[in-house]
Protein backbone atom coordinates (compact mmCIF):
# COMPACT_ATOMS: atom_id res chain seq x y z
CA UNK A 1 0.06 -0.02 -0.07
CA UNK A 2 0.93 3.71 -0.47
CA UNK A 3 1.41 5.17 2.56
CA UNK A 4 1.17 8.87 0.95
CA UNK A 5 -2.47 8.15 0.57
CA UNK A 6 -3.81 7.75 4.45
CA UNK A 7 -6.59 9.83 4.61
CA UNK A 8 -4.95 11.82 8.08
CA UNK A 9 -7.50 11.31 10.06
CA UNK A 10 -6.83 7.59 10.34
CA UNK A 11 -4.26 7.36 13.45
CA UNK A 12 -2.27 4.27 12.26
CA UNK A 13 -2.15 1.91 9.23
CA UNK A 14 -3.75 -1.19 11.22
CA UNK A 15 -7.08 0.88 10.97
CA UNK A 16 -6.09 2.75 7.30
CA UNK A 17 -5.71 -0.73 6.13
CA UNK A 18 -9.09 -2.13 8.22
CA UNK A 19 -11.09 0.89 6.96
CA UNK A 20 -10.06 -0.06 3.26
CA UNK A 21 -10.52 -3.60 3.33
CA UNK A 22 -13.94 -3.10 5.41
CA UNK A 23 -15.08 -0.18 2.03
CA UNK A 24 -13.11 -3.61 -0.22
CA UNK A 25 -16.32 -6.19 1.14
CA UNK A 26 -18.64 -3.65 1.29
CA UNK A 27 -18.66 -3.40 -2.13
CA UNK A 28 -18.74 -7.69 -3.00
CA UNK A 29 -21.76 -7.92 0.19
CA UNK A 30 -24.65 -6.90 0.67
CA UNK A 31 -24.74 -6.66 5.02
CA UNK A 32 -25.14 -4.41 7.25
CA UNK A 33 -22.87 -2.22 8.44
CA UNK A 34 -21.56 -3.82 12.08
CA UNK A 35 -21.07 -6.75 10.00
CA UNK A 36 -18.77 -5.90 7.19
CA UNK A 37 -16.23 -4.71 9.91
CA UNK A 38 -16.35 -8.06 11.86
CA UNK A 39 -15.62 -9.60 8.77
CA UNK A 40 -12.95 -7.10 7.58
CA UNK A 41 -11.16 -8.11 11.04
CA UNK A 42 -11.99 -12.25 10.69
CA UNK A 43 -10.55 -11.85 7.04
CA UNK A 44 -7.26 -9.91 7.92
CA UNK A 45 -4.42 -12.03 8.87
CA UNK A 46 -1.45 -9.28 9.43
CA UNK A 47 -0.71 -5.82 9.01
CA UNK A 48 3.15 -5.21 8.93
CA UNK A 49 4.80 -2.29 10.42
CA UNK A 50 8.52 -1.91 8.93
CA UNK A 51 9.52 -5.25 6.31
CA UNK A 52 6.28 -3.54 3.64
CA UNK A 53 4.07 -1.43 3.97
CA UNK A 54 0.44 -3.40 3.69
CA UNK A 55 -1.21 -6.50 4.83
CA UNK A 56 -2.16 -10.05 4.26
CA UNK A 57 -6.34 -10.92 4.27
CA UNK A 58 -7.65 -14.07 2.72
CA UNK A 59 -10.01 -12.70 0.28
CA UNK A 60 -12.27 -14.35 -2.36
CA UNK A 61 -11.34 -13.47 -6.14
CA UNK A 62 -13.92 -10.98 -6.51
CA UNK A 63 -12.69 -9.20 -2.68
CA UNK A 64 -9.73 -8.73 -4.23
CA UNK A 65 -10.80 -7.39 -7.67
CA UNK A 66 -12.49 -4.97 -5.24
CA UNK A 67 -9.55 -4.38 -3.25
CA UNK A 68 -7.68 -3.21 -6.32
CA UNK A 69 -9.45 0.01 -6.75
CA UNK A 70 -9.01 1.00 -3.47
CA UNK A 71 -7.38 5.09 -2.85
CA UNK A 72 -3.18 3.56 -2.50
CA UNK A 73 -3.59 -0.26 -3.46
CA UNK A 74 -0.04 -0.94 -5.05
CA UNK A 75 0.21 -4.32 -5.69
CA UNK A 76 -0.98 -7.98 -4.16
CA UNK A 77 0.31 -11.55 -4.51
CA UNK A 78 -0.90 -15.23 -3.61
CA UNK A 79 0.11 -16.22 -0.14
CA UNK A 80 3.59 -17.87 -1.76
CA UNK A 81 4.68 -21.38 0.19
CA UNK A 82 8.11 -21.53 0.88
CA UNK A 83 10.50 -24.58 2.09
CA UNK A 84 13.49 -25.16 4.01
CA UNK A 85 16.36 -25.55 2.90
CA UNK A 86 17.88 -27.59 4.59
CA UNK A 87 31.13 -28.80 14.37
CA UNK A 88 33.84 -28.80 12.60
CA UNK A 89 32.93 -26.27 9.52
CA UNK A 90 34.90 -23.41 11.72
CA UNK A 91 37.92 -25.52 10.66
CA UNK A 92 36.84 -25.39 7.09
CA UNK A 93 35.88 -21.67 7.49
CA UNK A 94 39.85 -21.08 9.04
CA UNK A 95 39.37 -20.14 11.44
CA UNK A 96 41.50 -20.31 14.90
CA UNK A 97 39.82 -19.60 18.64
CA UNK A 98 43.06 -18.68 19.77
CA UNK A 99 43.95 -15.62 17.01
CA UNK A 100 42.73 -14.04 14.30
CA UNK A 101 39.49 -12.73 13.35
CA UNK A 102 37.35 -15.58 15.92
CA UNK A 103 38.68 -14.05 18.88
CA UNK A 104 38.67 -10.43 18.18
CA UNK A 105 35.31 -10.14 17.71
CA UNK A 106 35.03 -11.60 21.26
CA UNK A 107 32.68 -14.44 19.30
CA UNK A 108 30.57 -12.60 18.10
CA UNK A 109 29.55 -10.90 21.89
CA UNK A 110 26.55 -8.96 21.98
CA UNK A 111 25.49 -9.40 18.79
CA UNK A 112 21.90 -10.45 18.40
CA UNK A 113 21.08 -12.96 15.43
CA UNK A 114 17.50 -13.74 14.97
CA UNK A 115 16.13 -17.19 12.79
CA UNK A 116 13.29 -17.32 10.95
CA UNK A 117 13.09 -20.96 10.99
CA UNK A 118 10.97 -24.02 12.83
CA UNK A 119 11.66 -23.19 16.36
CA UNK A 120 14.10 -23.74 18.93
CA UNK A 121 14.80 -27.24 21.33
CA UNK A 122 15.81 -24.25 24.62
CA UNK A 123 17.04 -27.85 27.25
CA UNK A 124 19.61 -27.94 24.56
CA UNK A 125 23.30 -27.28 26.05
CA UNK A 126 24.25 -24.81 22.88
CA UNK A 127 21.53 -22.51 24.30
CA UNK A 128 22.77 -22.46 27.71
CA UNK A 129 24.10 -19.21 29.04
CA UNK A 130 26.98 -19.53 31.05
CA UNK A 131 29.73 -16.76 31.25
CA UNK A 132 27.92 -14.10 29.25
CA UNK A 133 26.79 -10.53 30.88
CA UNK A 134 23.36 -9.16 30.26
CA UNK A 135 21.38 -8.78 27.16
CA UNK A 136 21.62 -5.79 26.14
CA UNK A 137 19.40 -2.99 26.93
CA UNK A 138 18.40 -2.06 23.07
CA UNK A 139 16.76 -5.56 22.59
CA UNK A 140 12.71 -4.82 22.11
CA UNK A 141 11.76 -8.51 21.81
CA UNK A 142 10.08 -10.78 24.07
CA UNK A 143 9.62 -14.94 24.96
CA UNK A 144 6.53 -16.69 24.91
CA UNK A 145 5.52 -18.49 27.65
CA UNK A 146 6.33 -21.77 26.91
CA UNK A 147 10.08 -21.15 26.29
CA UNK A 148 12.17 -20.42 29.14
CA UNK A 149 14.35 -17.95 27.92
CA UNK A 150 18.42 -16.54 29.69
CA UNK A 151 20.88 -14.54 28.36
CA UNK A 152 21.89 -16.85 25.35
CA UNK A 153 18.49 -17.83 24.01
CA UNK A 154 16.32 -14.24 24.64
CA UNK A 155 13.30 -14.32 22.20
CA UNK A 156 11.01 -16.53 21.68
CA UNK A 157 8.14 -15.93 19.17
CA UNK A 158 5.35 -18.10 16.73
CA UNK A 159 3.59 -16.81 13.66
CA UNK A 160 1.25 -19.04 11.98
CA UNK A 161 -2.48 -17.51 11.36
CA UNK A 162 -1.16 -17.53 7.06
CA UNK A 163 -1.48 -21.30 8.01
CA UNK A 164 -3.64 -21.60 10.17
CA UNK A 165 -6.02 -19.09 7.41
CA UNK A 166 -5.09 -21.71 4.35
CA UNK A 167 -5.93 -24.79 5.90
CA UNK A 168 -8.21 -24.48 8.81
CA UNK A 169 -7.11 -26.79 10.97
CA UNK A 170 -5.87 -24.59 14.44
CA UNK A 171 -6.33 -27.52 16.37
CA UNK A 172 -3.67 -29.28 14.97
CA UNK A 173 -1.28 -26.46 15.48
CA UNK A 174 0.27 -25.75 18.58
CA UNK A 175 1.00 -22.58 19.25
CA UNK A 176 4.76 -23.09 20.75
CA UNK A 177 7.86 -21.73 19.21
CA UNK A 178 9.40 -25.14 20.80
CA UNK A 179 11.15 -26.94 18.02
CA UNK A 180 9.52 -30.61 17.22
CA UNK A 181 11.01 -30.29 13.17
CA UNK A 182 14.72 -29.40 14.57
CA UNK A 183 15.76 -27.37 11.45
CA UNK A 184 15.61 -24.19 13.73
CA UNK A 185 17.47 -25.92 16.69
CA UNK A 186 20.41 -27.62 14.39
CA UNK A 187 20.69 -23.46 12.27
CA UNK A 188 20.92 -21.49 15.26
CA UNK A 189 23.11 -23.58 17.67
CA UNK A 190 25.26 -24.13 14.68
CA UNK A 191 25.95 -20.04 13.91
CA UNK A 192 25.51 -19.25 17.80
CA UNK A 193 25.70 -21.85 20.02
CA UNK A 194 27.70 -22.24 23.30
CA UNK A 195 30.19 -24.28 23.71
CA UNK A 196 29.15 -27.64 24.54
CA UNK A 197 31.64 -30.19 25.83
CA UNK A 198 32.17 -33.95 25.27
CA UNK A 199 29.48 -33.73 21.86
CA UNK A 200 28.93 -36.10 19.22
CA UNK A 201 27.37 -37.43 17.30
CA UNK A 202 26.48 -41.33 18.57
CA UNK A 203 30.83 -41.36 19.57
CA UNK A 204 31.53 -40.57 15.70
CA UNK A 205 32.89 -36.20 15.30
CA UNK A 206 33.76 -36.26 19.00
CA UNK A 207 34.80 -33.22 21.03
CA UNK A 208 34.04 -30.10 21.72
CA UNK A 209 31.12 -28.36 19.51
CA UNK A 210 30.04 -24.61 19.62
CA UNK A 211 28.70 -21.88 16.74
CA UNK A 212 31.01 -19.38 15.28
CA UNK A 213 29.94 -16.93 17.26
CA UNK A 214 29.42 -18.64 20.34
CA UNK A 215 29.13 -15.78 22.43
CA UNK A 216 25.89 -13.93 20.39
CA UNK A 217 22.78 -13.81 21.02
CA UNK A 218 19.63 -15.70 19.65
CA UNK A 219 16.49 -14.68 18.91
CA UNK A 220 14.22 -17.30 17.22
CA UNK A 221 10.88 -16.77 14.87
CA UNK A 222 8.60 -20.09 14.39
CA UNK A 223 7.17 -19.19 11.21
CA UNK A 224 7.34 -23.03 9.83
CA UNK A 225 5.64 -26.11 10.81
CA UNK A 226 6.35 -29.65 9.62
CA UNK A 227 7.93 -28.44 6.72
CA UNK A 228 5.25 -25.49 5.04
CA UNK A 229 6.24 -22.14 5.64
CA UNK A 230 4.15 -19.42 3.87
CA UNK A 231 4.97 -15.71 2.95
CA UNK A 232 2.35 -14.13 5.73
CA UNK A 233 3.95 -15.77 8.63
CA UNK A 234 7.19 -15.25 7.32
CA UNK A 235 7.34 -11.46 6.76
CA UNK A 236 5.46 -11.10 9.73
CA UNK A 237 8.33 -13.01 11.34
CA UNK A 238 10.53 -10.17 9.68
CA UNK A 239 8.37 -7.26 10.30
CA UNK A 240 9.18 -8.18 13.96
CA UNK A 241 12.62 -8.91 14.18
CA UNK A 242 13.47 -5.43 12.16
CA UNK A 243 11.28 -3.55 15.56
CA UNK A 244 12.79 -6.40 17.72
CA UNK A 245 16.24 -4.95 17.16
CA UNK A 246 18.05 -7.50 15.57
CA UNK A 247 21.60 -7.21 14.46
CA UNK A 248 21.74 -10.41 11.68
CA UNK A 249 19.04 -12.15 9.93
CA UNK A 250 19.45 -16.00 8.96
CA UNK A 251 16.88 -17.11 6.53
CA UNK A 252 17.40 -20.62 5.40
CA UNK A 253 14.26 -20.28 3.85
CA UNK A 254 13.04 -19.83 -0.06
CA UNK A 255 10.33 -19.41 -2.38
CA UNK A 256 12.32 -20.71 -5.88
CA UNK A 257 12.03 -18.88 -8.68
CA UNK A 258 9.47 -16.02 -8.16
CA UNK A 259 10.47 -12.59 -9.74
CA UNK A 260 12.70 -9.62 -7.25
CA UNK A 261 9.01 -7.82 -6.89
CA UNK A 262 7.18 -10.63 -6.12
CA UNK A 263 9.61 -12.46 -3.62
CA UNK A 264 8.22 -11.60 -0.26
CA UNK A 265 12.11 -12.81 1.37
CA UNK A 266 13.29 -10.10 -1.17
CA UNK A 267 10.94 -7.90 -0.05
CA UNK A 268 10.99 -7.94 3.08
CA UNK A 269 14.87 -8.41 3.64
CA UNK A 270 15.35 -5.47 1.67
CA UNK A 271 13.56 -3.20 4.25
CA UNK A 272 16.20 -5.24 7.14
CA UNK A 273 18.72 -3.95 4.87
CA UNK A 274 17.54 -0.25 4.91
CA UNK A 275 17.51 -0.71 8.87
CA UNK A 276 21.01 -1.83 8.69
CA UNK A 277 20.22 -5.51 9.24
CA UNK A 278 22.93 -7.86 8.26
CA UNK A 279 20.52 -10.65 6.15
CA UNK A 280 22.07 -14.13 5.60
CA UNK A 281 19.74 -16.44 3.26
CA UNK A 282 20.62 -19.47 1.66
CA UNK A 283 21.21 -20.43 -1.81
CA UNK A 284 18.29 -23.14 -1.85
CA UNK A 285 18.81 -27.39 -2.57
CA UNK A 286 17.37 -27.21 -6.12
CA UNK A 287 21.42 -28.25 -7.68
CA UNK A 288 21.43 -29.51 -11.82
CA UNK A 289 22.93 -32.99 -10.36
CA UNK A 290 20.82 -35.70 -11.37
CA UNK A 291 21.28 -38.39 -8.33
CA UNK A 292 18.97 -39.92 -5.97
CA UNK A 293 19.24 -38.55 -2.76
CA UNK A 294 19.60 -34.77 -2.07
CA UNK A 295 17.33 -33.02 0.81
CA UNK A 296 15.43 -31.34 -2.05
CA UNK A 297 13.47 -35.01 -3.36
CA UNK A 298 13.57 -36.68 -0.23
CA UNK A 299 9.48 -37.19 -0.56
CA UNK A 300 9.37 -38.74 -3.48
CA UNK A 301 12.85 -41.66 -2.21
CA UNK A 302 10.39 -42.09 1.01
CA UNK A 303 7.31 -42.88 -1.26
CA UNK A 304 9.69 -44.97 -3.53
CA UNK A 305 10.57 -47.45 -0.45
CA UNK A 306 7.03 -47.02 1.18
CA UNK A 307 6.01 -48.85 -2.97
CA UNK A 308 5.17 -52.28 -3.02
CA UNK A 309 6.62 -53.06 -5.38
CA UNK A 310 9.69 -51.13 -4.89
CA UNK A 311 11.93 -53.41 -3.67
CA UNK A 312 14.93 -51.71 -2.35
CA UNK A 313 16.85 -52.70 -1.18
CA UNK A 314 20.41 -50.74 0.56
CA UNK A 315 23.41 -51.44 3.29
CA UNK A 316 24.68 -49.37 5.73
CA UNK A 317 28.97 -49.11 5.72
CA UNK A 318 30.32 -47.21 9.48
CA UNK A 319 33.45 -45.27 8.84
CA UNK A 320 35.61 -42.72 10.77
CA UNK A 321 35.02 -39.34 10.81
CA UNK A 322 37.43 -38.06 8.15
CA UNK A 323 38.01 -33.92 7.86
CA UNK A 324 39.78 -32.10 4.81
CA UNK A 325 40.11 -34.25 2.38
CA UNK A 326 38.80 -32.56 -0.01
CA UNK A 327 39.52 -28.55 -1.15
CA UNK A 328 36.39 -25.92 0.63
CA UNK A 329 34.55 -24.62 0.31
CA UNK A 330 32.96 -25.84 -2.52
CA UNK A 331 29.70 -25.98 -4.09
CA UNK A 332 28.56 -29.07 -3.35
CA UNK A 333 26.00 -31.57 -5.69
CA UNK A 334 22.85 -30.64 -4.33
CA UNK A 335 23.48 -27.08 -4.05
CA UNK A 336 21.74 -24.66 -6.38
CA UNK A 337 23.65 -21.95 -7.58
CA UNK A 338 24.13 -18.95 -9.74
CA UNK A 339 23.43 -16.76 -12.16
CA UNK A 340 20.40 -15.71 -10.39
CA UNK A 341 17.38 -15.93 -13.07
CA UNK A 342 15.72 -12.55 -11.61
CA UNK A 343 19.24 -11.08 -11.37
CA UNK A 344 22.17 -12.77 -13.92
CA UNK A 345 24.13 -9.90 -13.18
CA UNK A 346 24.72 -10.29 -9.62
CA UNK A 347 27.22 -13.29 -8.89
CA UNK A 348 25.91 -16.38 -7.17
CA UNK A 349 25.98 -17.54 -4.23
CA UNK A 350 27.97 -14.70 -2.11
CA UNK A 351 29.56 -17.10 0.05
CA UNK A 352 30.20 -20.32 0.23
CA UNK A 353 30.80 -23.02 3.20
CA UNK A 354 30.44 -26.67 3.99
CA UNK A 355 27.36 -27.81 5.06
CA UNK A 356 27.50 -31.74 4.79
CA UNK A 357 29.49 -32.27 8.00
CA UNK A 358 27.98 -30.16 10.76
CA UNK A 359 27.44 -31.60 13.92
CA UNK A 360 24.34 -28.85 16.12
CA UNK A 361 21.98 -29.39 18.43
CA UNK A 362 18.26 -30.75 17.72
CA UNK A 363 15.77 -31.85 19.26
CA UNK A 364 15.59 -35.50 21.11
CA UNK A 365 12.12 -36.65 18.64
CA UNK A 366 13.61 -35.11 15.37
CA UNK A 367 16.15 -36.75 13.28
CA UNK A 368 20.13 -35.36 13.51
CA UNK A 369 21.49 -35.78 9.97
CA UNK A 370 20.56 -32.30 8.12
CA UNK A 371 22.51 -31.61 4.84
CA UNK A 372 21.81 -28.35 2.42
CA UNK A 373 22.45 -24.66 1.88
CA UNK A 374 20.64 -23.87 5.10
CA UNK A 375 23.79 -25.31 7.13
CA UNK A 376 25.75 -23.91 5.26
CA UNK A 377 24.40 -20.16 5.28
CA UNK A 378 24.33 -19.59 9.79
CA UNK A 379 27.97 -20.89 9.35
CA UNK A 380 28.52 -17.65 6.97
CA UNK A 381 26.17 -15.41 8.95
CA UNK A 382 28.41 -13.91 11.63
CA UNK A 383 31.34 -13.73 9.31
CA UNK A 384 30.27 -11.78 5.93
CA UNK A 385 33.74 -10.27 4.83
CA UNK A 386 32.73 -6.40 5.30
CA UNK A 387 34.65 -5.00 2.65
CA UNK A 388 32.08 -3.99 0.31
CA UNK A 389 29.03 -2.20 0.93
CA UNK A 390 25.89 -1.97 -1.33
CA UNK A 391 23.88 1.70 -0.27
CA UNK A 392 19.59 1.60 -1.13
CA UNK A 393 20.23 4.14 -4.22
CA UNK A 394 22.90 1.26 -5.44
CA UNK A 395 20.24 -1.46 -5.54
CA UNK A 396 17.46 1.45 -6.67
CA UNK A 397 20.30 2.22 -9.55
CA UNK A 398 20.28 -1.74 -10.50
CA UNK A 399 16.32 -2.18 -10.58
CA UNK A 400 16.03 0.73 -13.30
CA UNK A 401 19.61 -0.39 -15.16
CA UNK A 402 16.99 -4.06 -14.84
CA UNK A 403 13.84 -1.38 -17.00
CA UNK A 404 11.04 -2.20 -13.99
CA UNK A 405 9.04 -0.28 -13.40
CA UNK A 406 8.00 2.34 -11.08
CA UNK A 407 5.77 0.20 -9.24
CA UNK A 408 7.94 -2.97 -9.73
CA UNK A 409 10.46 -0.52 -7.99
CA UNK A 410 7.69 1.20 -5.49
CA UNK A 411 6.87 -2.72 -4.53
CA UNK A 412 10.42 -4.09 -3.10
CA UNK A 413 11.74 -0.07 -1.56
CA UNK A 414 7.83 0.79 -0.20
CA UNK A 415 8.83 4.20 -1.20
CA UNK A 416 7.17 5.74 -4.54
CA UNK A 417 9.65 8.50 -4.79
CA UNK A 418 12.55 6.24 -6.45
CA UNK A 419 15.65 8.32 -8.12
CA UNK A 420 15.76 6.21 -11.94
CA UNK A 421 18.57 9.15 -13.19
CA UNK A 422 21.58 6.51 -13.38
CA UNK A 423 20.49 3.22 -13.94
CA UNK A 424 23.65 0.83 -13.84
CA UNK A 425 24.09 -3.08 -13.66
CA UNK A 426 27.73 -2.32 -11.89
CA UNK A 427 26.71 -3.08 -8.41
CA UNK A 428 28.72 -2.56 -5.32
CA UNK A 429 29.52 -6.10 -5.39
CA UNK A 430 32.37 -8.78 -4.19
CA UNK A 431 32.70 -10.55 -7.70
CA UNK A 432 32.46 -9.89 -11.16
CA UNK A 433 30.54 -11.20 -14.18
CA UNK A 434 30.38 -10.25 -17.98
CA UNK A 435 28.17 -11.45 -20.19
CA UNK A 436 29.29 -12.01 -24.29
CA UNK A 437 27.22 -9.78 -26.24
CA UNK A 438 27.76 -11.00 -29.54
CA UNK A 439 26.73 -14.81 -31.40
CA UNK A 440 28.22 -17.58 -30.37
CA UNK A 441 27.66 -20.04 -32.32
CA UNK A 442 29.86 -16.99 -35.11
CA UNK A 443 33.82 -16.63 -35.50
CA UNK A 444 33.69 -14.80 -31.96
CA UNK A 445 37.49 -15.04 -32.41
CA UNK A 446 37.12 -12.00 -34.53
CA UNK A 447 35.01 -9.74 -32.45
CA UNK A 448 36.55 -7.82 -29.14
CA UNK A 449 34.93 -7.24 -26.07
CA UNK A 450 35.33 -4.42 -23.47
CA UNK A 451 33.79 -4.46 -20.32
CA UNK A 452 35.06 -2.05 -17.53
CA UNK A 453 33.51 -2.13 -13.60
CA UNK A 454 33.67 0.29 -10.78
CA UNK A 455 34.04 -1.07 -7.15
CA UNK A 456 34.61 1.02 -3.78
CA UNK A 457 36.10 -0.75 -1.14
CA UNK A 458 35.93 -0.13 3.07
CA UNK A 459 39.44 -0.75 4.99
CA UNK A 460 37.47 -2.70 8.21
CA UNK A 461 41.21 -3.06 9.04
CA UNK A 462 43.53 -1.44 12.12
CA UNK A 463 43.89 1.31 10.45
CA UNK A 464 46.84 2.94 7.35
CA UNK A 465 47.74 0.09 5.25
CA UNK A 466 48.54 -0.68 1.60
CA UNK A 467 46.56 -3.32 -0.88
CA UNK A 468 48.19 -4.60 -3.62
CA UNK A 469 45.77 -5.69 -6.62
CA UNK A 470 46.65 -9.01 -8.47
CA UNK A 471 44.57 -11.37 -10.64
CA UNK A 472 45.24 -14.74 -11.70
CA UNK A 473 45.66 -15.65 -16.05
CA UNK A 474 42.92 -16.01 -17.56
CA UNK A 475 43.33 -17.35 -21.37
CA UNK A 476 42.24 -15.27 -24.07
CA UNK A 477 41.35 -12.25 -21.78
CA UNK A 478 43.89 -8.97 -20.85
CA UNK A 479 42.91 -8.45 -17.02
CA UNK A 480 43.55 -5.04 -15.63
CA UNK A 481 43.05 -3.06 -12.33
CA UNK A 482 43.64 0.26 -11.84
CA UNK A 483 45.64 2.00 -9.67
CA UNK A 484 47.53 -1.26 -8.98
CA UNK A 485 47.34 -0.18 -4.82
CA UNK A 486 45.22 0.93 -2.17
CA UNK A 487 46.38 2.61 -0.34
CA UNK A 488 44.23 3.01 3.29
CA UNK A 489 45.14 6.10 5.52
CA UNK A 490 42.82 4.70 8.64
CA UNK A 491 40.18 2.92 9.24
CA UNK A 492 36.65 2.83 7.58
CA UNK A 493 38.13 5.13 4.87
CA UNK A 494 36.70 4.87 1.51
CA UNK A 495 38.89 3.86 -1.61
CA UNK A 496 37.55 3.20 -5.26
CA UNK A 497 39.41 0.52 -8.26
CA UNK A 498 38.35 -0.20 -11.80
CA UNK A 499 38.78 -3.15 -12.90
CA UNK A 500 39.27 -3.67 -17.34
CA UNK A 501 38.76 -7.15 -19.08
CA UNK A 502 39.03 -7.52 -23.22
CA UNK A 503 39.15 -10.01 -25.26
CA UNK A 504 37.56 -11.71 -28.17
CA UNK A 505 36.80 -15.52 -26.02
CA UNK A 506 33.15 -16.15 -24.98
CA UNK A 507 34.32 -17.87 -21.79
CA UNK A 508 36.86 -17.40 -18.99
CA UNK A 509 36.78 -18.31 -15.53
CA UNK A 510 39.80 -16.26 -13.12
CA UNK A 511 39.82 -14.28 -9.34
CA UNK A 512 41.40 -10.88 -8.77
CA UNK A 513 42.86 -11.14 -5.30
CA UNK A 514 43.62 -7.64 -2.67
CA UNK A 515 46.32 -8.75 -0.35
CA UNK A 516 47.80 -6.70 2.79
CA UNK A 517 50.15 -7.61 4.95
CA UNK A 518 47.32 -9.11 6.95
CA UNK A 519 44.60 -9.72 4.61
CA UNK A 520 43.19 -11.27 1.54
CA UNK A 521 40.67 -10.39 -0.27
CA UNK A 522 39.49 -12.28 -3.40
CA UNK A 523 36.53 -11.76 -5.86
CA UNK A 524 35.59 -14.26 -8.35
CA UNK A 525 35.90 -13.04 -12.42
CA UNK A 526 33.56 -14.70 -15.21
CA UNK A 527 33.13 -14.33 -18.21
CA UNK A 528 30.29 -16.28 -19.90
CA UNK A 529 27.17 -15.77 -22.58
CA UNK A 530 23.96 -15.10 -20.70
CA UNK A 531 21.60 -17.86 -18.94
CA UNK A 532 19.10 -17.13 -20.73
CA UNK A 533 17.89 -14.44 -23.33
CA UNK A 534 18.45 -10.97 -22.30
CA UNK A 535 17.57 -8.12 -24.08
CA UNK A 536 20.68 -6.12 -26.04
CA UNK A 537 19.24 -2.67 -24.12
CA UNK A 538 20.16 -4.16 -20.94
CA UNK A 539 23.22 -5.88 -22.30
CA UNK A 540 24.79 -2.51 -23.64
């Protein structure tokens, strides 16, 4: 909804939304005013104040058409159903408990991490609060009555109105943040669980287990119920997390191939980004490899095994724990990968990390074996590598360059005054992807392509330092960096550089590396053909 259209007499957005809904119902029903207001209240599921300007409601097609004629109406989408993407990882990440980034960050002390997932099992030792200080005063969240919170687990709320409205079975939904599936307990303990001595998986991988940010606070927002999640509940959870004051928002959740202006995760997390919240989302488990067993097709496998004529046989062999056998990080066979269909000009995924050897907390009645990109996501949420920064206007410039309409952009930004005077596909991202604009089937050796990217980096080190650029050899291309050195005089200083690529070939892979005496900052470079038909006016 466009809040600039809200009449001044209304004391709140909620009252305006309720009145708007009542008016729409009045145009489709013949009844008295009291019944209309009561019906509007019963049909209203959530009103949102932070993640977006709008509400969710249970409407018939006729009622929705009437709502579209209301003053302030911008757009509407169905209540989409999402799916989950599902402690030796610190070793893979190169984290040392005695030196470097891990102890320097005080293991995430007082960082508040919000998890939108299937809840939490609070009795797990991963959520004990021994040695933790008082809860930061900036925290505004709450803990629902059935969960015992402490100085580690500082928030627990549930959201299921969208699910109940969809299936009409409130009696079978337990109004509790308690995790009966295990996914939420697993992801939250992986990212920010307290140190647990003598942890193991039935004797394997025994030792000390702890989250990457073991001194961080955890706030849980349960929106997943028996593996089901609807966008109305997800947005309500993110809306609450923004209001509560989380510093990091972790989402091991995806809606598949959805346009940006129709994607609830993209819209709601844009609002979180504007508030300075670091958002970490998983890539998904829709990898292209033709394998039999992966997180995405577990139901198909179970159905086959249960069929009367399957003749299924299996054998189990027990092996010792083996770590560091193959290089990491790498994108596993089941994981989704880029380019993104909604925005192919931004290389995806942003960060890769191991997700198949994760020892973490789980409820006693849930399966303890987890794999999937959702397990990568919580590990990296507290280790974003804050070197490149993107402002709100940079995102607007990107959406403008993608030929999004003003209405599409307004849906995402919640603002009707978006400036498209400087459209640009060159987002300030720590990666580079160049699309060959010629005909790949023609004699491409005779055509030379030129690309230029500009990036601005922020020095997050201790102070004065100089970074030197190096680029891997990419066959068939000349790659240059201008300037080749970045001399920072102080912490938080911002400097810019340009990356230029020239060559006749249509495919190449490499990376740019900036190094000083202590740090290595690496950015991948990809030259390829577009993954789908892209307007030549966009390619340039």
